PDB file of N, CA and C in Angstrom:
ATOM      1  N   MET A   1      70.616  98.226  92.247  1.00  0.00           N
ATOM      2  CA  MET A   1      71.329  98.988  91.243  1.00  0.00           C
ATOM      3  C   MET A   1      72.824  98.742  91.402  1.00  0.00           C
ATOM      4  N   LEU A   2      73.481  98.444  90.320  1.00  0.00           N
ATOM      5  CA  LEU A   2      74.910  98.172  90.326  1.00  0.00           C
ATOM      6  C   LEU A   2      75.683  99.481  90.267  1.00  0.00           C
ATOM      7  N   ARG A   3      76.615  99.634  91.190  1.00  0.00           N
ATOM      8  CA  ARG A   3      77.437 100.847  91.222  1.00  0.00           C
ATOM      9  C   ARG A   3      78.816 100.517  90.682  1.00  0.00           C
ATOM     10  N   THR A   4      79.262 101.273  89.703  1.00  0.00           N
ATOM     11  CA  THR A   4      80.590 101.038  89.150  1.00  0.00           C
ATOM     12  C   THR A   4      81.577 102.011  89.765  1.00  0.00           C
ATOM     13  N   CYS A   5      82.777 101.539  89.927  1.00  0.00           N
ATOM     14  CA  CYS A   5      83.849 102.374  90.467  1.00  0.00           C
ATOM     15  C   CYS A   5      84.890 102.586  89.387  1.00  0.00           C
ATOM     16  N   PRO A   6      85.347 103.801  89.220  1.00  0.00           N
ATOM     17  CA  PRO A   6      86.347 104.058  88.189  1.00  0.00           C
ATOM     18  C   PRO A   6      87.699 103.461  88.565  1.00  0.00           C
ATOM     19  N   LEU A   7      88.472 103.171  87.552  1.00  0.00           N
ATOM     20  CA  LEU A   7      89.851 102.736  87.732  1.00  0.00           C
ATOM     21  C   LEU A   7      90.758 103.950  87.673  1.00  0.00           C
ATOM     22  N   PHE A   8      91.897 103.852  88.303  1.00  0.00           N
ATOM     23  CA  PHE A   8      92.904 104.879  88.115  1.00  0.00           C
ATOM     24  C   PHE A   8      94.273 104.248  88.123  1.00  0.00           C
ATOM     25  N   HIS A   9      95.254 104.977  87.608  1.00  0.00           N
ATOM     26  CA  HIS A   9      96.615 104.465  87.487  1.00  0.00           C
ATOM     27  C   HIS A   9      97.531 105.159  88.478  1.00  0.00           C
ATOM     28  N   LEU A  10      98.434 104.395  89.033  1.00  0.00           N
ATOM     29  CA  LEU A  10      99.527 104.921  89.843  1.00  0.00           C
ATOM     30  C   LEU A  10     100.808 104.562  89.105  1.00  0.00           C
ATOM     31  N   THR A  11     101.631 105.531  88.835  1.00  0.00           N
ATOM     32  CA  THR A  11     102.905 105.281  88.189  1.00  0.00           C
ATOM     33  C   THR A  11     104.006 105.628  89.165  1.00  0.00           C
ATOM     34  N   VAL A  12     104.987 104.744  89.293  1.00  0.00           N
ATOM     35  CA  VAL A  12     106.057 104.946  90.264  1.00  0.00           C
ATOM     36  C   VAL A  12     107.368 105.192  89.540  1.00  0.00           C
ATOM     37  N   PHE A  13     108.054 106.253  89.909  1.00  0.00           N
ATOM     38  CA  PHE A  13     109.407 106.524  89.467  1.00  0.00           C
ATOM     39  C   PHE A  13     110.242 106.714  90.713  1.00  0.00           C
ATOM     40  N   CYS A  14     111.500 106.389  90.626  1.00  0.00           N
ATOM     41  CA  CYS A  14     112.347 106.525  91.802  1.00  0.00           C
ATOM     42  C   CYS A  14     113.571 107.351  91.468  1.00  0.00           C
ATOM     43  N   ALA A  15     114.088 107.991  92.482  1.00  0.00           N
ATOM     44  CA  ALA A  15     115.188 108.932  92.300  1.00  0.00           C
ATOM     45  C   ALA A  15     116.523 108.307  92.679  1.00  0.00           C
ATOM     46  N   GLU A  16     117.554 108.649  91.929  1.00  0.00           N
ATOM     47  CA  GLU A  16     118.908 108.226  92.274  1.00  0.00           C
ATOM     48  C   GLU A  16     119.427 109.144  93.371  1.00  0.00           C
ATOM     49  N   VAL A  17     120.131 108.580  94.316  1.00  0.00           N
ATOM     50  CA  VAL A  17     120.703 109.368  95.396  1.00  0.00           C
ATOM     51  C   VAL A  17     122.209 109.236  95.364  1.00  0.00           C
ATOM     52  N   SER A  18     122.882 110.044  96.164  1.00  0.00           N
ATOM     53  CA  SER A  18     124.337 110.042  96.187  1.00  0.00           C
ATOM     54  C   SER A  18     124.884 108.696  96.645  1.00  0.00           C
ATOM     55  N   LEU A  19     126.184 108.521  96.502  1.00  0.00           N
ATOM     56  CA  LEU A  19     126.902 107.315  96.909  1.00  0.00           C
ATOM     57  C   LEU A  19     126.527 106.091  96.078  1.00  0.00           C
ATOM     58  N   GLY A  20     126.009 106.295  94.882  1.00  0.00           N
ATOM     59  CA  GLY A  20     125.732 105.194  93.979  1.00  0.00           C
ATOM     60  C   GLY A  20     124.513 104.363  94.315  1.00  0.00           C
ATOM     61  N   ILE A  21     123.674 104.828  95.199  1.00  0.00           N
ATOM     62  CA  ILE A  21     122.456 104.097  95.540  1.00  0.00           C
ATOM     63  C   ILE A  21     121.359 104.499  94.561  1.00  0.00           C
ATOM     64  N   LEU A  22     120.666 103.500  94.031  1.00  0.00           N
ATOM     65  CA  LEU A  22     119.588 103.759  93.082  1.00  0.00           C
ATOM     66  C   LEU A  22     118.319 103.064  93.562  1.00  0.00           C
ATOM     67  N   LEU A  23     117.237 103.801  93.614  1.00  0.00           N
ATOM     68  CA  LEU A  23     115.924 103.245  93.946  1.00  0.00           C
ATOM     69  C   LEU A  23     115.151 103.050  92.655  1.00  0.00           C
ATOM     70  N   GLU A  24     114.593 101.863  92.479  1.00  0.00           N
ATOM     71  CA  GLU A  24     113.836 101.562  91.272  1.00  0.00           C
ATOM     72  C   GLU A  24     112.488 100.957  91.645  1.00  0.00           C
ATOM     73  N   PRO A  25     111.442 101.288  90.888  1.00  0.00           N
ATOM     74  CA  PRO A  25     110.124 100.718  91.196  1.00  0.00           C
ATOM     75  C   PRO A  25     110.068  99.238  90.848  1.00  0.00           C
ATOM     76  N   ASP A  26     109.367  98.462  91.659  1.00  0.00           N
ATOM     77  CA  ASP A  26     109.144  97.048  91.351  1.00  0.00           C
ATOM     78  C   ASP A  26     108.147  96.907  90.205  1.00  0.00           C
ATOM     79  N   THR A  27     107.167  97.797  90.146  1.00  0.00           N
ATOM     80  CA  THR A  27     106.164  97.823  89.085  1.00  0.00           C
ATOM     81  C   THR A  27     106.035  99.259  88.614  1.00  0.00           C
ATOM     82  N   LYS A  28     106.104  99.482  87.311  1.00  0.00           N
ATOM     83  CA  LYS A  28     106.041 100.851  86.796  1.00  0.00           C
ATOM     84  C   LYS A  28     104.629 101.430  86.840  1.00  0.00           C
ATOM     85  N   THR A  29     103.626 100.614  86.570  1.00  0.00           N
ATOM     86  CA  THR A  29     102.243 101.098  86.561  1.00  0.00           C
ATOM     87  C   THR A  29     101.367 100.123  87.339  1.00  0.00           C
ATOM     88  N   LEU A  30     100.510 100.690  88.154  1.00  0.00           N
ATOM     89  CA  LEU A  30      99.584  99.905  88.963  1.00  0.00           C
ATOM     90  C   LEU A  30      98.188 100.453  88.719  1.00  0.00           C
ATOM     91  N   THR A  31      97.250  99.582  88.411  1.00  0.00           N
ATOM     92  CA  THR A  31      95.864  99.985  88.194  1.00  0.00           C
ATOM     93  C   THR A  31      95.001  99.333  89.266  1.00  0.00           C
ATOM     94  N   VAL A  32      94.220 100.150  89.953  1.00  0.00           N
ATOM     95  CA  VAL A  32      93.346  99.638  91.018  1.00  0.00           C
ATOM     96  C   VAL A  32      91.971 100.283  90.917  1.00  0.00           C
ATOM     97  N   LEU A  33      90.998  99.653  91.532  1.00  0.00           N
ATOM     98  CA  LEU A  33      89.661 100.228  91.645  1.00  0.00           C
ATOM     99  C   LEU A  33      89.631 101.208  92.806  1.00  0.00           C
ATOM    100  N   VAL A  34      88.893 102.275  92.654  1.00  0.00           N
ATOM    101  CA  VAL A  34      88.712 103.227  93.746  1.00  0.00           C
ATOM    102  C   VAL A  34      88.109 102.485  94.934  1.00  0.00           C
ATOM    103  N   GLY A  35      88.671 102.741  96.109  1.00  0.00           N
ATOM    104  CA  GLY A  35      88.214 102.083  97.323  1.00  0.00           C
ATOM    105  C   GLY A  35      89.037 100.868  97.701  1.00  0.00           C
ATOM    106  N   GLU A  36      89.804 100.348  96.752  1.00  0.00           N
ATOM    107  CA  GLU A  36      90.652  99.190  97.020  1.00  0.00           C
ATOM    108  C   GLU A  36      92.021  99.655  97.512  1.00  0.00           C
ATOM    109  N   PRO A  37      92.768  98.788  98.189  1.00  0.00           N
ATOM    110  CA  PRO A  37      94.122  99.158  98.612  1.00  0.00           C
ATOM    111  C   PRO A  37      95.093  99.119  97.438  1.00  0.00           C
ATOM    112  N   ALA A  38      96.182  99.852  97.563  1.00  0.00           N
ATOM    113  CA  ALA A  38      97.249  99.852  96.564  1.00  0.00           C
ATOM    114  C   ALA A  38      98.584  99.817  97.292  1.00  0.00           C
ATOM    115  N   THR A  39      99.534  99.084  96.745  1.00  0.00           N
ATOM    116  CA  THR A  39     100.870  99.007  97.327  1.00  0.00           C
ATOM    117  C   THR A  39     101.896  99.360  96.268  1.00  0.00           C
ATOM    118  N   LEU A  40     102.713 100.372  96.554  1.00  0.00           N
ATOM    119  CA  LEU A  40     103.806 100.793  95.683  1.00  0.00           C
ATOM    120  C   LEU A  40     105.109 100.373  96.347  1.00  0.00           C
ATOM    121  N   ARG A  41     106.060  99.861  95.556  1.00  0.00           N
ATOM    122  CA  ARG A  41     107.333  99.406  96.119  1.00  0.00           C
ATOM    123  C   ARG A  41     108.496  99.920  95.291  1.00  0.00           C
ATOM    124  N   CYS A  42     109.573 100.267  95.986  1.00  0.00           N
ATOM    125  CA  CYS A  42     110.848 100.595  95.362  1.00  0.00           C
ATOM    126  C   CYS A  42     111.914  99.694  95.963  1.00  0.00           C
ATOM    127  N   SER A  43     112.823  99.207  95.113  1.00  0.00           N
ATOM    128  CA  SER A  43     113.943  98.390  95.565  1.00  0.00           C
ATOM    129  C   SER A  43     115.230  99.171  95.366  1.00  0.00           C
ATOM    130  N   VAL A  44     116.210  98.903  96.216  1.00  0.00           N
ATOM    131  CA  VAL A  44     117.482  99.607  96.156  1.00  0.00           C
ATOM    132  C   VAL A  44     118.547  98.720  95.521  1.00  0.00           C
ATOM    133  N   THR A  45     119.418  99.347  94.724  1.00  0.00           N
ATOM    134  CA  THR A  45     120.622  98.686  94.236  1.00  0.00           C
ATOM    135  C   THR A  45     121.801  99.574  94.595  1.00  0.00           C
ATOM    136  N   GLY A  46     122.940  98.951  94.849  1.00  0.00           N
ATOM    137  CA  GLY A  46     124.150  99.711  95.153  1.00  0.00           C
ATOM    138  C   GLY A  46     124.298 100.112  96.608  1.00  0.00           C
ATOM    139  N   GLY A  47     123.518  99.552  97.488  1.00  0.00           N
ATOM    140  CA  GLY A  47     123.614  99.910  98.900  1.00  0.00           C
ATOM    141  C   GLY A  47     122.418  99.393  99.663  1.00  0.00           C
ATOM    142  N   ASP A  48     122.191  99.957 100.832  1.00  0.00           N
ATOM    143  CA  ASP A  48     120.995  99.585 101.579  1.00  0.00           C
ATOM    144  C   ASP A  48     120.349 100.831 102.165  1.00  0.00           C
ATOM    145  N   LEU A  49     119.116 100.680 102.587  1.00  0.00           N
ATOM    146  CA  LEU A  49     118.311 101.817 103.039  1.00  0.00           C
ATOM    147  C   LEU A  49     118.321 102.015 104.547  1.00  0.00           C
ATOM    148  N   LYS A  50     119.063 101.190 105.284  1.00  0.00           N
ATOM    149  CA  LYS A  50     118.974 101.275 106.745  1.00  0.00           C
ATOM    150  C   LYS A  50     119.480 102.597 107.310  1.00  0.00           C
ATOM    151  N   ASN A  51     120.308 103.314 106.564  1.00  0.00           N
ATOM    152  CA  ASN A  51     120.816 104.601 107.041  1.00  0.00           C
ATOM    153  C   ASN A  51     120.078 105.796 106.443  1.00  0.00           C
ATOM    154  N   TYR A  52     118.978 105.539 105.748  1.00  0.00           N
ATOM    155  CA  TYR A  52     118.235 106.601 105.081  1.00  0.00           C
ATOM    156  C   TYR A  52     116.770 106.572 105.499  1.00  0.00           C
ATOM    157  N   GLN A  53     116.130 107.697 105.348  1.00  0.00           N
ATOM    158  CA  GLN A  53     114.673 107.769 105.481  1.00  0.00           C
ATOM    159  C   GLN A  53     114.110 107.867 104.072  1.00  0.00           C
ATOM    160  N   VAL A  54     113.187 107.010 103.728  1.00  0.00           N
ATOM    161  CA  VAL A  54     112.587 107.036 102.396  1.00  0.00           C
ATOM    162  C   VAL A  54     111.260 107.780 102.471  1.00  0.00           C
ATOM    163  N   SER A  55     111.126 108.782 101.621  1.00  0.00           N
ATOM    164  CA  SER A  55     109.885 109.556 101.519  1.00  0.00           C
ATOM    165  C   SER A  55     109.262 109.304 100.155  1.00  0.00           C
ATOM    166  N   TRP A  56     107.968 109.467 100.083  1.00  0.00           N
ATOM    167  CA  TRP A  56     107.227 109.294  98.837  1.00  0.00           C
ATOM    168  C   TRP A  56     106.614 110.635  98.445  1.00  0.00           C
ATOM    169  N   TYR A  57     106.757 110.988  97.161  1.00  0.00           N
ATOM    170  CA  TYR A  57     106.254 112.251  96.629  1.00  0.00           C
ATOM    171  C   TYR A  57     105.279 111.966  95.495  1.00  0.00           C
ATOM    172  N   LYS A  58     104.342 112.885  95.314  1.00  0.00           N
ATOM    173  CA  LYS A  58     103.375 112.788  94.221  1.00  0.00           C
ATOM    174  C   LYS A  58     103.548 113.993  93.310  1.00  0.00           C
ATOM    175  N   LYS A  59     103.553 113.735  92.008  1.00  0.00           N
ATOM    176  CA  LYS A  59     103.676 114.801  91.018  1.00  0.00           C
ATOM    177  C   LYS A  59     102.316 115.459  90.824  1.00  0.00           C
ATOM    178  N   THR A  60     102.289 116.791  90.870  1.00  0.00           N
ATOM    179  CA  THR A  60     101.042 117.531  90.700  1.00  0.00           C
ATOM    180  C   THR A  60     100.818 117.864  89.224  1.00  0.00           C
ATOM    181  N   GLU A  61      99.669 118.438  88.918  1.00  0.00           N
ATOM    182  CA  GLU A  61      99.353 118.800  87.534  1.00  0.00           C
ATOM    183  C   GLU A  61     100.333 119.800  86.946  1.00  0.00           C
ATOM    184  N   ASP A  62     100.919 120.665  87.799  1.00  0.00           N
ATOM    185  CA  ASP A  62     101.892 121.637  87.289  1.00  0.00           C
ATOM    186  C   ASP A  62     103.320 121.093  87.353  1.00  0.00           C
ATOM    187  N   SER A  63     103.459 119.779  87.518  1.00  0.00           N
ATOM    188  CA  SER A  63     104.735 119.053  87.529  1.00  0.00           C
ATOM    189  C   SER A  63     105.601 119.285  88.758  1.00  0.00           C
ATOM    190  N   SER A  64     105.073 119.950  89.762  1.00  0.00           N
ATOM    191  CA  SER A  64     105.833 120.060  91.006  1.00  0.00           C
ATOM    192  C   SER A  64     105.585 118.795  91.831  1.00  0.00           C
ATOM    193  N   LEU A  65     106.431 118.578  92.821  1.00  0.00           N
ATOM    194  CA  LEU A  65     106.293 117.410  93.681  1.00  0.00           C
ATOM    195  C   LEU A  65     105.804 117.833  95.055  1.00  0.00           C
ATOM    196  N   ILE A  66     104.836 117.098  95.575  1.00  0.00           N
ATOM    197  CA  ILE A  66     104.363 117.336  96.940  1.00  0.00           C
ATOM    198  C   ILE A  66     104.624 116.070  97.758  1.00  0.00           C
ATOM    199  N   LEU A  67     104.872 116.257  99.023  1.00  0.00           N
ATOM    200  CA  LEU A  67     105.120 115.128  99.902  1.00  0.00           C
ATOM    201  C   LEU A  67     103.831 114.331 100.085  1.00  0.00           C
ATOM    202  N   ALA A  68     103.869 113.051  99.743  1.00  0.00           N
ATOM    203  CA  ALA A  68     102.711 112.174  99.937  1.00  0.00           C
ATOM    204  C   ALA A  68     102.820 111.415 101.245  1.00  0.00           C
ATOM    205  N   TYR A  69     104.049 110.980 101.590  1.00  0.00           N
ATOM    206  CA  TYR A  69     104.241 110.229 102.833  1.00  0.00           C
ATOM    207  C   TYR A  69     105.700 110.314 103.275  1.00  0.00           C
ATOM    208  N   ARG A  70     105.889 110.568 104.535  1.00  0.00           N
ATOM    209  CA  ARG A  70     107.204 110.506 105.178  1.00  0.00           C
ATOM    210  C   ARG A  70     106.985 109.888 106.552  1.00  0.00           C
ATOM    211  N   PRO A  71     107.805 108.909 106.930  1.00  0.00           N
ATOM    212  CA  PRO A  71     107.640 108.319 108.263  1.00  0.00           C
ATOM    213  C   PRO A  71     107.756 109.381 109.346  1.00  0.00           C
ATOM    214  N   SER A  72     106.967 109.208 110.389  1.00  0.00           N
ATOM    215  CA  SER A  72     106.962 110.151 111.497  1.00  0.00           C
ATOM    216  C   SER A  72     107.296 109.410 112.775  1.00  0.00           C
ATOM    217  N   ASN A  73     107.953 110.100 113.692  1.00  0.00           N
ATOM    218  CA  ASN A  73     108.194 109.523 115.011  1.00  0.00           C
ATOM    219  C   ASN A  73     106.920 109.525 115.837  1.00  0.00           C
ATOM    220  N   ASN A  74     105.933 110.297 115.419  1.00  0.00           N
ATOM    221  CA  ASN A  74     104.660 110.396 116.124  1.00  0.00           C
ATOM    222  C   ASN A  74     103.690 109.381 115.524  1.00  0.00           C
ATOM    223  N   THR A  75     103.533 108.225 116.165  1.00  0.00           N
ATOM    224  CA  THR A  75     102.682 107.172 115.605  1.00  0.00           C
ATOM    225  C   THR A  75     101.223 107.596 115.510  1.00  0.00           C
ATOM    226  N   ASN A  76     100.780 108.517 116.357  1.00  0.00           N
ATOM    227  CA  ASN A  76      99.399 108.994 116.257  1.00  0.00           C
ATOM    228  C   ASN A  76      99.169 109.714 114.939  1.00  0.00           C
ATOM    229  N   GLU A  77     100.169 110.482 114.503  1.00  0.00           N
ATOM    230  CA  GLU A  77     100.053 111.199 113.236  1.00  0.00           C
ATOM    231  C   GLU A  77      99.958 110.214 112.077  1.00  0.00           C
ATOM    232  N   ASP A  78     100.821 109.181 112.077  1.00  0.00           N
ATOM    233  CA  ASP A  78     100.806 108.200 111.004  1.00  0.00           C
ATOM    234  C   ASP A  78      99.499 107.418 110.963  1.00  0.00           C
ATOM    235  N   SER A  79      98.929 107.103 112.120  1.00  0.00           N
ATOM    236  CA  SER A  79      97.737 106.256 112.154  1.00  0.00           C
ATOM    237  C   SER A  79      96.501 106.967 111.597  1.00  0.00           C
ATOM    238  N   ARG A  80      96.519 108.286 111.517  1.00  0.00           N
ATOM    239  CA  ARG A  80      95.377 109.025 110.966  1.00  0.00           C
ATOM    240  C   ARG A  80      95.411 109.052 109.450  1.00  0.00           C
ATOM    241  N   SER A  81      96.545 108.730 108.877  1.00  0.00           N
ATOM    242  CA  SER A  81      96.732 108.836 107.444  1.00  0.00           C
ATOM    243  C   SER A  81      96.213 107.603 106.712  1.00  0.00           C
ATOM    244  N   ASN A  82      95.769 107.806 105.499  1.00  0.00           N
ATOM    245  CA  ASN A  82      95.381 106.716 104.617  1.00  0.00           C
ATOM    246  C   ASN A  82      96.611 106.048 104.018  1.00  0.00           C
ATOM    247  N   PHE A  83      97.785 106.679 104.177  1.00  0.00           N
ATOM    248  CA  PHE A  83      99.033 106.160 103.643  1.00  0.00           C
ATOM    249  C   PHE A  83      99.858 105.584 104.782  1.00  0.00           C
ATOM    250  N   LYS A  84     100.423 104.404 104.555  1.00  0.00           N
ATOM    251  CA  LYS A  84     101.325 103.765 105.513  1.00  0.00           C
ATOM    252  C   LYS A  84     102.594 103.377 104.771  1.00  0.00           C
ATOM    253  N   GLY A  85     103.716 103.467 105.446  1.00  0.00           N
ATOM    254  CA  GLY A  85     104.978 103.116 104.817  1.00  0.00           C
ATOM    255  C   GLY A  85     105.741 102.083 105.606  1.00  0.00           C
ATOM    256  N   ASN A  86     106.628 101.375 104.899  1.00  0.00           N
ATOM    257  CA  ASN A  86     107.485 100.388 105.523  1.00  0.00           C
ATOM    258  C   ASN A  86     108.775 100.320 104.711  1.00  0.00           C
ATOM    259  N   THR A  87     109.909 100.381 105.389  1.00  0.00           N
ATOM    260  CA  THR A  87     111.203 100.320 104.713  1.00  0.00           C
ATOM    261  C   THR A  87     112.105  99.354 105.448  1.00  0.00           C
ATOM    262  N   ASN A  88     112.797  98.492 104.682  1.00  0.00           N
ATOM    263  CA  ASN A  88     113.851  97.668 105.253  1.00  0.00           C
ATOM    264  C   ASN A  88     115.131  97.960 104.478  1.00  0.00           C
ATOM    265  N   ALA A  89     116.157  97.146 104.619  1.00  0.00           N
ATOM    266  CA  ALA A  89     117.448  97.438 103.999  1.00  0.00           C
ATOM    267  C   ALA A  89     117.394  97.458 102.475  1.00  0.00           C
ATOM    268  N   SER A  90     116.472  96.712 101.867  1.00  0.00           N
ATOM    269  CA  SER A  90     116.477  96.591 100.411  1.00  0.00           C
ATOM    270  C   SER A  90     115.227  97.109  99.706  1.00  0.00           C
ATOM    271  N   LYS A  91     114.162  97.409 100.450  1.00  0.00           N
ATOM    272  CA  LYS A  91     112.906  97.841  99.814  1.00  0.00           C
ATOM    273  C   LYS A  91     112.194  98.894 100.647  1.00  0.00           C
ATOM    274  N   SER A  92     111.435  99.731  99.942  1.00  0.00           N
ATOM    275  CA  SER A  92     110.519 100.656 100.594  1.00  0.00           C
ATOM    276  C   SER A  92     109.141 100.412 100.001  1.00  0.00           C
ATOM    277  N   GLN A  93     108.144 100.459 100.846  1.00  0.00           N
ATOM    278  CA  GLN A  93     106.780 100.169 100.418  1.00  0.00           C
ATOM    279  C   GLN A  93     105.849 101.263 100.910  1.00  0.00           C
ATOM    280  N   LEU A  94     104.956 101.708 100.038  1.00  0.00           N
ATOM    281  CA  LEU A  94     103.911 102.655 100.396  1.00  0.00           C
ATOM    282  C   LEU A  94     102.571 101.963 100.194  1.00  0.00           C
ATOM    283  N   ASP A  95     101.798 101.867 101.261  1.00  0.00           N
ATOM    284  CA  ASP A  95     100.467 101.266 101.196  1.00  0.00           C
ATOM    285  C   ASP A  95      99.424 102.367 101.279  1.00  0.00           C
ATOM    286  N   ILE A  96      98.532 102.398 100.303  1.00  0.00           N
ATOM    287  CA  ILE A  96      97.373 103.281 100.353  1.00  0.00           C
ATOM    288  C   ILE A  96      96.219 102.382 100.775  1.00  0.00           C
ATOM    289  N   GLN A  97      95.712 102.621 101.969  1.00  0.00           N
ATOM    290  CA  GLN A  97      94.742 101.709 102.571  1.00  0.00           C
ATOM    291  C   GLN A  97      93.447 101.607 101.775  1.00  0.00           C
ATOM    292  N   ARG A  98      92.914 102.741 101.385  1.00  0.00           N
ATOM    293  CA  ARG A  98      91.668 102.788 100.614  1.00  0.00           C
ATOM    294  C   ARG A  98      91.815 103.916  99.604  1.00  0.00           C
ATOM    295  N   THR A  99      92.013 103.563  98.351  1.00  0.00           N
ATOM    296  CA  THR A  99      92.309 104.560  97.329  1.00  0.00           C
ATOM    297  C   THR A  99      91.103 105.443  97.022  1.00  0.00           C
ATOM    298  N   THR A 100      91.415 106.676  96.657  1.00  0.00           N
ATOM    299  CA  THR A 100      90.419 107.636  96.195  1.00  0.00           C
ATOM    300  C   THR A 100      90.847 108.118  94.817  1.00  0.00           C
ATOM    301  N   VAL A 101      89.962 108.780  94.115  1.00  0.00           N
ATOM    302  CA  VAL A 101      90.301 109.332  92.804  1.00  0.00           C
ATOM    303  C   VAL A 101      91.472 110.306  92.933  1.00  0.00           C
ATOM    304  N   GLU A 102      91.528 111.035  94.041  1.00  0.00           N
ATOM    305  CA  GLU A 102      92.602 112.011  94.260  1.00  0.00           C
ATOM    306  C   GLU A 102      93.970 111.354  94.413  1.00  0.00           C
ATOM    307  N   ASP A 103      94.016 110.066  94.714  1.00  0.00           N
ATOM    308  CA  ASP A 103      95.291 109.360  94.857  1.00  0.00           C
ATOM    309  C   ASP A 103      95.935 109.032  93.515  1.00  0.00           C
ATOM    310  N   ALA A 104      95.177 109.094  92.424  1.00  0.00           N
ATOM    311  CA  ALA A 104      95.720 108.772  91.106  1.00  0.00           C
ATOM    312  C   ALA A 104      96.855 109.717  90.767  1.00  0.00           C
ATOM    313  N   GLY A 105      97.900 109.190  90.157  1.00  0.00           N
ATOM    314  CA  GLY A 105      98.994 110.053  89.750  1.00  0.00           C
ATOM    315  C   GLY A 105     100.314 109.332  89.659  1.00  0.00           C
ATOM    316  N   THR A 106     101.358 110.124  89.568  1.00  0.00           N
ATOM    317  CA  THR A 106     102.722 109.628  89.482  1.00  0.00           C
ATOM    318  C   THR A 106     103.406 109.852  90.814  1.00  0.00           C
ATOM    319  N   TYR A 107     103.980 108.794  91.362  1.00  0.00           N
ATOM    320  CA  TYR A 107     104.637 108.839  92.663  1.00  0.00           C
ATOM    321  C   TYR A 107     106.126 108.574  92.501  1.00  0.00           C
ATOM    322  N   TYR A 108     106.915 109.222  93.345  1.00  0.00           N
ATOM    323  CA  TYR A 108     108.362 109.045  93.374  1.00  0.00           C
ATOM    324  C   TYR A 108     108.780 108.646  94.780  1.00  0.00           C
ATOM    325  N   CYS A 109     109.728 107.728  94.888  1.00  0.00           N
ATOM    326  CA  CYS A 109     110.325 107.465  96.194  1.00  0.00           C
ATOM    327  C   CYS A 109     111.738 108.043  96.165  1.00  0.00           C
ATOM    328  N   ALA A 110     112.167 108.572  97.284  1.00  0.00           N
ATOM    329  CA  ALA A 110     113.479 109.209  97.364  1.00  0.00           C
ATOM    330  C   ALA A 110     114.041 109.059  98.766  1.00  0.00           C
ATOM    331  N   CYS A 111     115.363 108.999  98.852  1.00  0.00           N
ATOM    332  CA  CYS A 111     116.033 108.939 100.154  1.00  0.00           C
ATOM    333  C   CYS A 111     116.316 110.348 100.630  1.00  0.00           C
ATOM    334  N   ASP A 112     116.038 110.585 101.903  1.00  0.00           N
ATOM    335  CA  ASP A 112     116.312 111.886 102.513  1.00  0.00           C
ATOM    336  C   ASP A 112     117.537 111.768 103.398  1.00  0.00           C
TER     337      ASP A 112
END
């Protein structure tokens, strides 16, 4: 019996931060199959990210934002998560190792 997996969309928006730094998504919409990995990326213009921590937020149904991923100094905490992040001077990346239906939504990257 063939099992079908639903598709879902991830939309990325990025927030402007002080000092003229702007984070912008590399791809506005990403469509993946449930169970497959997904990678969201934001690029910076007007500065670099080496002095900032980049966090990723997800918009809820009531339009509030919840924290989806923030780097932790505790590597054990990060390794339990389905979300992994990587940031260098010019880009931030959020990897969802194995997507679920609950991962569908609109994501924002922001500098803290």
